[in-house]
Amino acid sequence: IKFAPKNLISDEDLLELNEYKELGSTISSYDYYQKRGAKKQILDIVKLENRKFGSFCEKLIRERLSLEKPLNSQHDAIYFEKKIEIKSARYWAGGTNCKWQHLEPEYDYEYILFVLVDFKEIAVWGGKKDDVFPYLTKQGKQGYWVDKETLLSSGTVKKIQEEEDFKKFLGM
C-alpha cells in the first residue's frame, strides 16, 4: 500500500510555526482604522480591494474637483488641459505611513495628486511630476513608489484642502 505524501505544511503544522503565531498579533487595515475612530464612510473605502480602492478614490477626486475624464490611460484626469495622475493610499496597519505606487515617469501627465484615506478625511497633496520624481524609488518593472514621510519631507508637494488650493497649485 502506497501512502500519500505528507503535506509540506499541514493545518496542524501551522500552529507550531512562528510566522503563523505572529499572525495573531497583526491587524488588518480595516481594524486599524476602526480602532482609530474612523467612521463608516471611511471604513467603507478602506475595506475595498486594491484595484477597486484606487479606481474609487480616483473617481471621488475627479468628482470633488470637477476634473474631466482622461483622454487615455497615461493619466487619470484633466483640468483646463492640464493632465493629472491620481494615486491613492491607505495607512499601513499599525502606523501612520503609507505608500503611493506604480508611478510611471514616461506617462503623459504633468501633475500628481497624492490621495490618502486618513482616519477622519480624504487628504490630498499635489506635486509637479518633475519635482517629485527625484524622491521616488524604482519599483521593479512597475514604475516608482514613494512613502508619505519621504514625500512630505521633500518639500515638493502642497496640501490641497479646497478647490482654490488646487487652482493655485496648478498656477491658475
Foldseek 3Di string as FASTA:
>chain_A
DDDDDDDPADPVNLVVDPVSVCVVVFDQLLVQLVVVPADPVLSVLSPDPDVVNFVVVLVVVCVQLVWAADPDPLAGTHDPNAGEHEWEWEDDRPDDKTKTDQDALPGPHFKYWYWYSDSYDTKIKMFTSVLQVVQWDQDPPRGTMHMPVSRVVSPGIDTDDHNVSVCVNVVD
